[in-house]
Amino acid sequence: MSLLARAVSVALASMCCAASAHAATYVVSAHQTKFDHKLAAKVEAAGGTITARLPQIGVVIVESGHPDFATRAGKLQGVRSAVADVTVQFEQPDPQQRLSADFANPPNSSDDDRFFDLQWGHAAIDAAGAWNAGYRGEGATVAVLDSGLYCDHLEFADNLLAADSASFVPGEDYCNTGGSSHGTHTAGTILAGDNGAGTIGVAPEAKLIAVKVLSEINGSGSFGGIIQGIVHAADHGADVINMSLGVRGGLPVGGSEVAELINATKRAVQYAGSQNALVVASAGNDGRDLDHDSGIEICDDDGSCYRANLRAFPAQLPGVVTVSALGPTGWAYDFDTNLDTLASYSNYGQSAIDFGAPGGDFVYPGTEACTVKGVTVPCWAFDMVMSSTTSSGGDSFYGWSAGTSMAAPHVSGVAALIVGKHGGEMSPKAVERILRQSADDLGKNGNDDAYGTGRVNAARAVAD
């Protein structure tokens, strides 16, 4: 199989940034991080119908059939901007392979979850070391903002918080029926149950809030949906918010409309932090040096300014923990091979990366089959990340994928272990401080291009 064909299985995300000429949805931001009823009434008098009011961040989502609504609303006293929402288009391929059906790390754990020994990422971060210390994520809640969840998958039977889960994709429930498995894969890496079914998450006793912000049918979503999803997760008790979302190729540099959508998203992230939710995002899969990418300066009305690197959105928003992807080459042949090589596709850069984590790769040159723990597939597939995928007819399925989308969940899982250890309520800064102090400093001493502070280490993160 060619490298290009293998790349199709990587969990990449692409974004289409041109709003439709017939778009009737707008993101309206106030000058202040509040949006009272009087200002909302003015917006509606300008010809809009408010479909979501987020006074926590000074934003409303509006529908309007008036072609000049943005101009009229933008002139209102108290309104900072009114811009057409932008639809995002993510490439969400199915995993390359699909399978049905006292701790030690893979590949020799003897665990009854039949695919756990294929989860080399858990060995890389020493998940079993954290479990042996008694920490498995109990007391922590993780929100996964993604393409929804196969809710009847066995791995989520005991930890899905259905009442707190939601969809911000029109016409779709957060429970998937026949579409993208991307969100199920990321959620499984974080907190799949230790139930003898198939795989185990890094924090198997954490609780899950599934928040759909991307369509399971075509991978599309919107800034408005992502913004609402972040606020929803924060308001429903999430301690960690995982966003395996990335802009392949980046947003266009410049343009006040895009800048305003970025700023509204920044406000949502900032609000999540104020509610003690750590936001973790994938760095992106363009293989770019983010230190040398251009950006634009955006200033909010509170006087804060930041440079938005549009090649790594939302990863480089202020307050977001950004994760690069690491992986082995030829793990099926040598379980002791280096698990911490920067993946061939991963973005990198000292100014961007906070941590490295297992994301897998697909550069092994051969096409022959290998058998590991009774599973026979092409050898290169074992270098990818194994997790839950879909469910159908009472059966739960598993498969491999690779990308920074797979790396971020490993960090979210370790963060959940930390929160669980400390009683279920911590400031994001405190969680991030422990992540940094406990990470394995790889590469050059201190912060570096590939690993940021280092590759996360679950056992050290919960050590006394």
Protein backbone atom coordinates (compact mmCIF):
# COMPACT_ATOMS: atom_id res chain seq x y z
CA MET A 1 0.00 0.00 0.00
CA SER A 2 1.33 3.44 -0.90
CA LEU A 3 2.10 6.10 1.69
CA LEU A 4 -0.75 8.16 0.27
CA ALA A 5 -3.19 5.28 0.74
CA ARG A 6 -2.03 4.83 4.31
CA ALA A 7 -2.44 8.51 4.98
CA VAL A 8 -6.15 8.18 4.25
CA SER A 9 -6.47 6.34 7.56
CA VAL A 10 -4.97 9.21 9.53
CA ALA A 11 -7.47 11.18 11.56
CA LEU A 12 -6.86 14.44 9.74
CA ALA A 13 -9.13 17.43 9.80
CA SER A 14 -9.69 19.90 6.99
CA MET A 15 -11.66 23.08 7.10
CA CYS A 16 -13.58 24.94 4.45
CA CYS A 17 -13.73 28.56 5.41
CA ALA A 18 -15.97 30.22 2.86
CA ALA A 19 -19.41 30.88 4.27
CA SER A 20 -22.29 30.23 1.94
CA ALA A 21 -23.80 33.25 0.25
CA HIS A 22 -27.14 32.05 1.58
CA ALA A 23 -25.91 31.59 5.16
CA ALA A 24 -28.56 32.58 7.66
CA THR A 25 -26.62 31.92 10.85
CA TYR A 26 -24.53 34.57 12.57
CA VAL A 27 -22.26 34.81 15.59
CA VAL A 28 -22.87 38.11 17.38
CA SER A 29 -20.39 39.22 20.05
CA ALA A 30 -20.92 41.96 22.62
CA HIS A 31 -18.21 44.31 23.74
CA GLN A 32 -18.40 42.79 27.20
CA THR A 33 -18.51 39.16 28.28
CA LYS A 34 -22.21 39.37 28.97
CA PHE A 35 -25.27 39.63 26.76
CA ASP A 36 -28.28 40.92 28.66
CA HIS A 37 -31.90 40.69 27.56
CA LYS A 38 -32.01 44.34 26.46
CA LEU A 39 -29.14 43.85 24.03
CA ALA A 40 -30.67 40.59 22.85
CA ALA A 41 -33.92 42.41 22.12
CA LYS A 42 -32.04 44.98 20.03
CA VAL A 43 -30.45 42.18 18.01
CA GLU A 44 -33.83 40.65 17.31
CA ALA A 45 -35.25 44.06 16.39
CA ALA A 46 -32.47 44.29 13.79
CA GLY A 47 -33.98 41.28 12.07
CA GLY A 48 -32.48 38.28 13.81
CA THR A 49 -33.87 35.34 15.77
CA ILE A 50 -31.63 34.28 18.63
CA THR A 51 -31.26 30.52 18.71
CA ALA A 52 -28.68 30.39 21.51
CA ARG A 53 -27.75 33.03 24.05
CA LEU A 54 -24.41 32.62 25.81
CA PRO A 55 -24.20 35.51 28.27
CA GLN A 56 -21.29 33.72 29.94
CA ILE A 57 -19.07 34.83 27.05
CA GLY A 58 -21.05 37.73 25.58
CA VAL A 59 -22.15 35.86 22.45
CA VAL A 60 -25.44 34.95 20.80
CA ILE A 61 -26.10 32.69 17.83
CA VAL A 62 -28.64 34.24 15.47
CA GLU A 63 -30.61 33.19 12.42
CA SER A 64 -31.75 35.81 9.95
CA GLY A 65 -33.09 35.96 6.45
CA HIS A 66 -32.23 39.64 6.08
CA PRO A 67 -29.23 40.07 3.75
CA ASP A 68 -28.11 43.18 5.63
CA PHE A 69 -28.54 41.74 9.14
CA ALA A 70 -24.80 41.68 9.89
CA THR A 71 -24.46 45.36 8.99
CA ARG A 72 -27.51 46.38 11.01
CA ALA A 73 -26.60 44.33 14.07
CA GLY A 74 -22.96 45.39 13.92
CA LYS A 75 -23.98 49.04 14.34
CA LEU A 76 -25.91 48.43 17.56
CA GLN A 77 -24.52 50.03 20.67
CA GLY A 78 -23.00 47.30 22.79
CA VAL A 79 -22.31 44.96 19.87
CA ARG A 80 -18.68 44.30 18.98
CA SER A 81 -19.32 42.31 15.81
CA ALA A 82 -21.93 40.36 13.88
CA VAL A 83 -20.43 37.94 11.37
CA ALA A 84 -21.74 35.03 9.34
CA ASP A 85 -20.99 31.69 10.92
CA VAL A 86 -18.48 29.57 9.02
CA THR A 87 -18.97 25.91 8.25
CA VAL A 88 -16.01 23.61 8.92
CA GLN A 89 -15.41 20.46 6.94
CA PHE A 90 -13.43 17.69 8.58
CA GLU A 91 -11.98 14.66 6.86
CA GLN A 92 -12.97 11.78 9.15
CA PRO A 93 -11.90 8.49 7.61
CA ASP A 94 -12.88 5.16 9.09
CA PRO A 95 -10.10 3.28 10.91
CA GLN A 96 -7.92 1.22 8.61
CA GLN A 97 -8.80 -2.07 10.27
CA ARG A 98 -11.94 -3.09 12.18
CA LEU A 99 -12.22 -5.88 14.71
CA SER A 100 -15.13 -7.26 16.70
CA ALA A 101 -14.81 -8.28 19.73
CA ASP A 102 -2.60 -6.71 39.17
CA PHE A 103 -2.00 -4.69 35.89
CA ALA A 104 0.90 -4.72 33.51
CA ASN A 105 1.47 -2.61 30.41
CA PRO A 106 1.09 -3.93 26.86
CA PRO A 107 2.05 -6.16 25.17
CA ASN A 108 2.24 -8.71 27.98
CA SER A 109 -0.47 -7.66 30.42
CA SER A 110 -2.59 -10.86 30.24
CA ASP A 111 -5.59 -8.55 30.65
CA ASP A 112 -9.02 -9.93 29.75
CA ASP A 113 -9.80 -6.94 27.49
CA ARG A 114 -8.76 -8.79 24.37
CA PHE A 115 -7.26 -5.84 22.48
CA PHE A 116 -5.59 -4.09 25.40
CA ASP A 117 -2.22 -5.62 24.60
CA LEU A 118 -2.32 -3.83 21.26
CA GLN A 119 -2.53 -0.44 23.00
CA TRP A 120 1.19 0.36 23.00
CA GLY A 121 0.31 3.98 23.81
CA HIS A 122 -0.61 2.94 27.34
CA ALA A 123 2.85 1.46 27.76
CA ALA A 124 4.43 4.67 26.46
CA ILE A 125 2.72 6.76 29.12
CA ASP A 126 2.77 4.03 31.82
CA ALA A 127 -0.97 3.94 32.38
CA ALA A 128 -0.69 0.71 34.34
CA GLY A 129 1.63 2.45 36.79
CA ALA A 130 -1.11 4.95 37.60
CA TRP A 131 -3.70 2.17 37.95
CA ASN A 132 -1.43 0.22 40.29
CA ALA A 133 -1.21 3.33 42.46
CA GLY A 134 -5.01 3.23 42.75
CA TYR A 135 -5.94 6.01 40.32
CA ARG A 136 -8.26 5.25 37.41
CA GLY A 137 -10.10 8.52 36.88
CA GLU A 138 -12.94 8.10 39.37
CA GLY A 139 -14.33 11.53 40.25
CA ALA A 140 -13.33 13.17 36.96
CA THR A 141 -15.61 14.08 34.05
CA VAL A 142 -14.36 14.44 30.48
CA ALA A 143 -16.28 16.08 27.64
CA VAL A 144 -15.40 14.91 24.15
CA LEU A 145 -16.25 17.52 21.48
CA ASP A 146 -16.28 15.54 18.28
CA SER A 147 -18.49 13.78 15.74
CA GLY A 148 -20.72 12.09 18.29
CA LEU A 149 -20.58 8.69 19.95
CA TYR A 150 -21.77 5.17 19.28
CA CYS A 151 -23.63 5.21 22.56
CA ASP A 152 -24.43 1.50 22.67
CA HIS A 153 -20.77 0.54 22.42
CA LEU A 154 -19.87 -1.71 25.35
CA GLU A 155 -17.00 0.54 26.39
CA PHE A 156 -19.35 3.35 27.49
CA ALA A 157 -22.05 1.37 29.24
CA ASP A 158 -21.00 2.52 32.71
CA ASN A 159 -19.58 5.99 32.21
CA LEU A 160 -21.71 7.91 29.68
CA LEU A 161 -23.62 10.81 31.23
CA ALA A 162 -26.55 10.84 28.85
CA ALA A 163 -28.42 13.67 30.56
CA ASP A 164 -25.41 15.98 30.15
CA SER A 165 -24.57 15.00 26.57
CA ALA A 166 -25.81 17.08 23.64
CA SER A 167 -25.57 17.76 19.93
CA PHE A 168 -24.94 21.13 18.31
CA VAL A 169 -25.29 19.75 14.80
CA PRO A 170 -28.78 20.50 13.46
CA GLY A 171 -30.87 17.40 12.88
CA GLU A 172 -28.45 14.96 14.50
CA ASP A 173 -28.46 13.35 17.94
CA TYR A 174 -25.22 13.00 19.85
CA CYS A 175 -25.64 9.22 19.59
CA ASN A 176 -24.41 8.02 16.21
CA THR A 177 -26.14 5.35 14.17
CA GLY A 178 -24.19 4.92 10.96
CA GLY A 179 -21.62 7.65 10.44
CA SER A 180 -18.24 8.83 11.68
CA SER A 181 -16.45 6.79 14.34
CA HIS A 182 -13.90 9.53 15.06
CA GLY A 183 -15.53 10.66 18.30
CA THR A 184 -15.97 7.10 19.52
CA HIS A 185 -12.30 6.39 18.87
CA THR A 186 -11.11 9.44 20.81
CA ALA A 187 -13.52 8.82 23.69
CA GLY A 188 -12.41 5.20 23.94
CA THR A 189 -8.76 6.20 24.27
CA ILE A 190 -9.64 8.47 27.16
CA LEU A 191 -12.04 6.35 29.21
CA ALA A 192 -13.15 3.05 27.66
CA GLY A 193 -14.24 0.86 30.56
CA ASP A 194 -12.11 -1.91 32.01
CA ASN A 195 -14.89 -4.43 31.46
CA GLY A 196 -13.33 -7.35 29.62
CA ALA A 197 -14.74 -6.18 26.29
CA GLY A 198 -11.93 -4.94 24.08
CA THR A 199 -9.79 -1.94 25.00
CA ILE A 200 -9.22 0.14 28.13
CA GLY A 201 -9.08 3.93 28.34
CA VAL A 202 -6.32 5.80 30.14
CA ALA A 203 -8.87 6.81 32.81
CA PRO A 204 -11.44 3.97 32.66
CA GLU A 205 -13.45 5.13 35.67
CA ALA A 206 -13.92 8.74 34.54
CA LYS A 207 -17.33 9.92 33.34
CA LEU A 208 -18.08 10.98 29.78
CA ILE A 209 -20.05 13.88 28.34
CA ALA A 210 -20.47 13.36 24.59
CA VAL A 211 -20.84 16.68 22.74
CA LYS A 212 -21.42 16.48 19.01
CA VAL A 213 -20.06 19.50 17.14
CA LEU A 214 -19.34 17.78 13.82
CA SER A 215 -21.77 15.88 11.64
CA GLU A 216 -21.45 12.11 11.62
CA ILE A 217 -22.68 12.15 8.02
CA ASN A 218 -20.34 14.53 6.25
CA GLY A 219 -17.96 15.83 8.90
CA SER A 220 -19.23 19.40 8.71
CA GLY A 221 -19.67 21.68 11.68
CA SER A 222 -19.54 25.35 12.50
CA PHE A 223 -17.81 27.82 14.74
CA GLY A 224 -21.16 28.43 16.40
CA GLY A 225 -21.55 24.75 17.20
CA ILE A 226 -18.04 24.46 18.62
CA ILE A 227 -18.50 27.59 20.71
CA GLN A 228 -21.79 26.29 22.11
CA GLY A 229 -20.22 22.89 22.72
CA ILE A 230 -17.40 24.33 24.81
CA VAL A 231 -19.77 26.40 26.93
CA HIS A 232 -22.15 23.45 27.34
CA ALA A 233 -19.34 21.18 28.52
CA ALA A 234 -18.12 23.77 31.01
CA ASP A 235 -21.63 24.36 32.37
CA HIS A 236 -22.27 20.63 32.78
CA GLY A 237 -19.31 19.91 35.00
CA ALA A 238 -16.54 18.84 32.62
CA ASP A 239 -13.11 18.78 34.27
CA VAL A 240 -11.40 18.13 30.93
CA ILE A 241 -12.57 19.05 27.43
CA ASN A 242 -10.98 17.08 24.60
CA MET A 243 -11.04 18.69 21.15
CA SER A 244 -9.41 16.44 18.59
CA LEU A 245 -10.19 19.11 16.02
CA GLY A 246 -7.70 20.61 13.62
CA VAL A 247 -7.62 22.83 10.58
CA ARG A 248 -5.78 21.02 7.83
CA GLY A 249 -3.93 23.67 5.91
CA GLY A 250 -5.13 26.38 8.26
CA LEU A 251 -7.65 29.17 8.22
CA PRO A 252 -6.96 32.07 5.86
CA VAL A 253 -4.71 34.68 7.43
CA GLY A 254 -6.43 38.01 7.84
CA GLY A 255 -10.04 39.03 7.54
CA SER A 256 -12.06 40.59 10.33
CA GLU A 257 -14.83 38.00 10.05
CA VAL A 258 -12.53 35.05 10.74
CA ALA A 259 -10.82 37.02 13.52
CA GLU A 260 -14.15 37.61 15.23
CA LEU A 261 -15.08 33.93 15.09
CA ILE A 262 -11.68 33.06 16.55
CA ASN A 263 -12.18 35.59 19.32
CA ALA A 264 -15.61 34.22 20.20
CA THR A 265 -14.07 30.74 20.42
CA LYS A 266 -11.29 32.13 22.60
CA ARG A 267 -13.90 33.53 24.94
CA ALA A 268 -15.51 30.09 25.20
CA VAL A 269 -12.16 28.50 26.06
CA GLN A 270 -11.49 31.23 28.60
CA TYR A 271 -14.90 30.63 30.16
CA ALA A 272 -14.23 26.89 30.36
CA GLY A 273 -11.07 27.65 32.29
CA SER A 274 -13.02 29.82 34.72
CA GLN A 275 -15.26 26.80 35.36
CA ASN A 276 -12.23 24.60 36.10
CA ALA A 277 -12.24 22.77 32.78
CA LEU A 278 -8.89 22.07 31.11
CA VAL A 279 -9.13 22.27 27.30
CA VAL A 280 -6.89 19.85 25.37
CA ALA A 281 -6.55 19.98 21.57
CA SER A 282 -4.66 18.21 18.81
CA ALA A 283 -1.78 20.13 17.21
CA GLY A 284 -2.74 19.31 13.62
CA ASN A 285 -1.44 16.96 10.97
CA ASP A 286 0.25 19.14 8.36
CA GLY A 287 3.84 18.39 9.41
CA ARG A 288 4.41 22.11 9.84
CA ASP A 289 6.86 24.07 11.96
CA LEU A 290 4.36 26.27 13.75
CA ASP A 291 7.14 28.53 15.05
CA HIS A 292 7.45 30.01 11.58
CA ASP A 293 3.83 30.24 10.50
CA SER A 294 2.20 33.62 10.22
CA GLY A 295 -0.74 34.73 12.30
CA ILE A 296 -2.83 37.73 13.13
CA GLU A 297 -3.07 39.77 16.29
CA ILE A 298 -6.52 39.83 17.87
CA CYS A 299 -7.49 42.05 20.79
CA ASP A 300 -10.59 41.57 22.91
CA ASP A 301 -12.48 44.36 24.66
CA ASP A 302 -10.93 43.48 28.01
CA GLY A 303 -7.61 44.76 26.66
CA SER A 304 -6.04 41.33 26.18
CA CYS A 305 -4.29 40.69 22.88
CA TYR A 306 -2.95 37.47 21.42
CA ARG A 307 -1.51 36.23 18.16
CA ALA A 308 -3.69 33.62 16.49
CA ASN A 309 -1.64 31.14 14.50
CA LEU A 310 -4.21 30.14 11.94
CA ARG A 311 -2.27 27.04 10.97
CA ALA A 312 -3.15 25.44 14.28
CA PHE A 313 -6.68 26.41 15.16
CA PRO A 314 -8.09 25.78 17.73
CA ALA A 315 -4.90 24.31 19.16
CA GLN A 316 -3.12 27.61 19.76
CA LEU A 317 -5.92 29.59 21.30
CA PRO A 318 -4.91 31.06 24.66
CA GLY A 319 -5.60 28.57 27.42
CA VAL A 320 -5.55 25.46 25.22
CA VAL A 321 -3.13 22.58 25.91
CA THR A 322 -1.70 21.58 22.52
CA VAL A 323 -0.52 18.03 21.82
CA SER A 324 1.82 16.62 19.17
CA ALA A 325 1.72 12.98 18.03
CA LEU A 326 4.38 10.35 18.67
CA GLY A 327 4.63 6.78 17.47
CA PRO A 328 6.77 3.74 16.69
CA THR A 329 7.87 2.16 13.42
CA GLY A 330 7.66 -1.64 13.34
CA TRP A 331 6.24 -2.21 16.83
CA ALA A 332 4.80 -5.56 15.76
CA TYR A 333 8.36 -6.83 15.20
CA ASP A 334 9.99 -5.21 18.23
CA PHE A 335 7.91 -4.28 21.27
CA ASP A 336 10.96 -2.43 22.66
CA THR A 337 11.22 -0.09 19.70
CA ASN A 338 11.14 3.65 20.33
CA LEU A 339 7.54 4.73 20.99
CA ASP A 340 8.40 8.42 21.18
CA THR A 341 9.41 9.39 17.64
CA LEU A 342 7.63 12.49 16.36
CA ALA A 343 5.02 11.23 13.90
CA SER A 344 5.66 11.95 10.25
CA TYR A 345 2.57 14.14 9.92
CA SER A 346 2.54 15.95 13.27
CA ASN A 347 2.82 19.71 13.54
CA TYR A 348 5.62 20.87 15.83
CA GLY A 349 7.27 23.99 17.23
CA GLN A 350 8.35 25.28 20.64
CA SER A 351 5.85 28.10 20.56
CA ALA A 352 2.97 25.70 19.93
CA ILE A 353 3.46 22.29 21.52
CA ASP A 354 2.79 21.75 25.20
CA PHE A 355 3.12 17.95 25.32
CA GLY A 356 3.73 14.95 23.14
CA ALA A 357 1.61 11.81 23.37
CA PRO A 358 0.97 8.58 21.46
CA GLY A 359 -0.74 9.29 18.15
CA GLY A 360 0.65 6.52 15.96
CA ASP A 361 2.20 6.55 12.52
CA PHE A 362 1.99 4.70 9.20
CA VAL A 363 5.48 4.95 7.71
CA TYR A 364 6.55 1.33 8.17
CA PRO A 365 7.70 0.42 4.64
CA GLY A 366 6.46 -3.14 4.32
CA THR A 367 3.06 -4.52 3.34
CA GLU A 368 3.39 -7.96 4.91
CA ALA A 369 1.08 -9.23 7.63
CA CYS A 370 1.99 -9.61 11.27
CA THR A 371 0.26 -11.46 14.08
CA VAL A 372 0.25 -9.98 17.59
CA LYS A 373 -1.79 -11.54 20.38
CA GLY A 374 -3.82 -13.55 17.92
CA VAL A 375 -4.66 -10.59 15.68
CA THR A 376 -3.35 -10.68 12.09
CA VAL A 377 -3.28 -7.46 10.04
CA PRO A 378 -0.68 -5.57 7.97
CA CYS A 379 2.34 -4.94 10.17
CA TRP A 380 2.17 -1.16 9.76
CA ALA A 381 -1.34 -1.08 11.28
CA PHE A 382 0.04 -2.04 14.69
CA ASP A 383 1.97 1.27 14.75
CA MET A 384 -1.35 3.13 14.92
CA VAL A 385 -3.62 3.69 17.92
CA MET A 386 -6.16 0.98 18.77
CA SER A 387 -9.49 2.07 20.22
CA SER A 388 -13.26 1.65 20.00
CA THR A 389 -14.99 2.49 16.72
CA THR A 390 -18.59 1.53 15.98
CA SER A 391 -21.34 -0.74 17.21
CA SER A 392 -24.04 -2.57 15.31
CA GLY A 393 -26.55 -5.30 16.07
CA GLY A 394 -25.33 -5.65 19.63
CA ASP A 395 -21.68 -6.01 18.59
CA SER A 396 -18.95 -3.52 19.47
CA PHE A 397 -16.08 -2.91 17.07
CA TYR A 398 -12.50 -1.70 17.42
CA GLY A 399 -9.85 -0.41 15.06
CA TRP A 400 -6.69 1.56 14.48
CA SER A 401 -6.20 5.15 13.46
CA ALA A 402 -3.37 7.69 13.63
CA GLY A 403 -3.15 11.44 14.05
CA THR A 404 -2.76 14.19 16.57
CA SER A 405 -6.47 13.47 17.07
CA MET A 406 -5.34 10.25 18.76
CA ALA A 407 -2.58 11.96 20.78
CA ALA A 408 -4.76 14.56 22.52
CA PRO A 409 -6.97 11.89 24.18
CA HIS A 410 -3.95 10.36 25.89
CA VAL A 411 -3.25 13.72 27.52
CA SER A 412 -6.92 14.19 28.41
CA GLY A 413 -6.88 10.76 30.03
CA VAL A 414 -3.85 11.60 32.17
CA ALA A 415 -5.47 14.90 33.12
CA ALA A 416 -8.55 12.96 34.25
CA LEU A 417 -6.34 10.73 36.41
CA ILE A 418 -4.89 13.83 38.06
CA VAL A 419 -8.31 15.38 38.69
CA GLY A 420 -9.62 12.11 40.07
CA LYS A 421 -6.71 11.81 42.47
CA HIS A 422 -7.35 15.30 43.81
CA GLY A 423 -11.04 14.85 44.48
CA GLY A 424 -12.64 15.87 41.21
CA GLU A 425 -12.20 19.65 41.28
CA MET A 426 -8.99 21.40 40.24
CA SER A 427 -8.04 24.56 38.43
CA PRO A 428 -6.73 23.97 34.89
CA LYS A 429 -3.49 25.69 35.83
CA ALA A 430 -2.95 23.21 38.66
CA VAL A 431 -3.63 20.24 36.38
CA GLU A 432 -1.32 21.58 33.71
CA ARG A 433 1.39 22.24 36.27
CA ILE A 434 1.31 18.59 37.35
CA LEU A 435 1.31 17.44 33.74
CA ARG A 436 4.44 19.50 33.12
CA GLN A 437 6.23 18.46 36.29
CA SER A 438 5.58 14.78 35.64
CA ALA A 439 6.22 14.64 31.89
CA ASP A 440 9.24 12.76 30.57
CA ASP A 441 11.62 15.38 29.19
CA LEU A 442 12.56 13.95 25.81
CA GLY A 443 14.67 15.57 23.13
CA LYS A 444 16.76 18.50 24.27
CA ASN A 445 16.53 19.66 27.88
CA GLY A 446 13.47 21.78 28.56
CA ASN A 447 10.90 22.83 26.02
CA ASP A 448 11.49 21.64 22.47
CA ASP A 449 9.88 21.49 19.04
CA ALA A 450 8.62 17.92 19.11
CA TYR A 451 7.61 17.28 22.70
CA GLY A 452 6.99 20.65 24.27
CA THR A 453 7.60 20.07 27.98
CA GLY A 454 7.74 16.33 27.35
CA ARG A 455 5.72 13.19 26.76
CA VAL A 456 3.04 12.80 29.43
CA ASN A 457 3.61 10.12 32.07
CA ALA A 458 0.49 8.81 33.84
CA ALA A 459 2.29 7.06 36.69
CA ARG A 460 4.42 10.07 37.58
CA ALA A 461 1.40 12.37 37.28
CA VAL A 462 -0.34 10.65 40.20
CA ALA A 463 2.77 9.85 42.25
CA ASP A 464 2.83 11.21 45.79
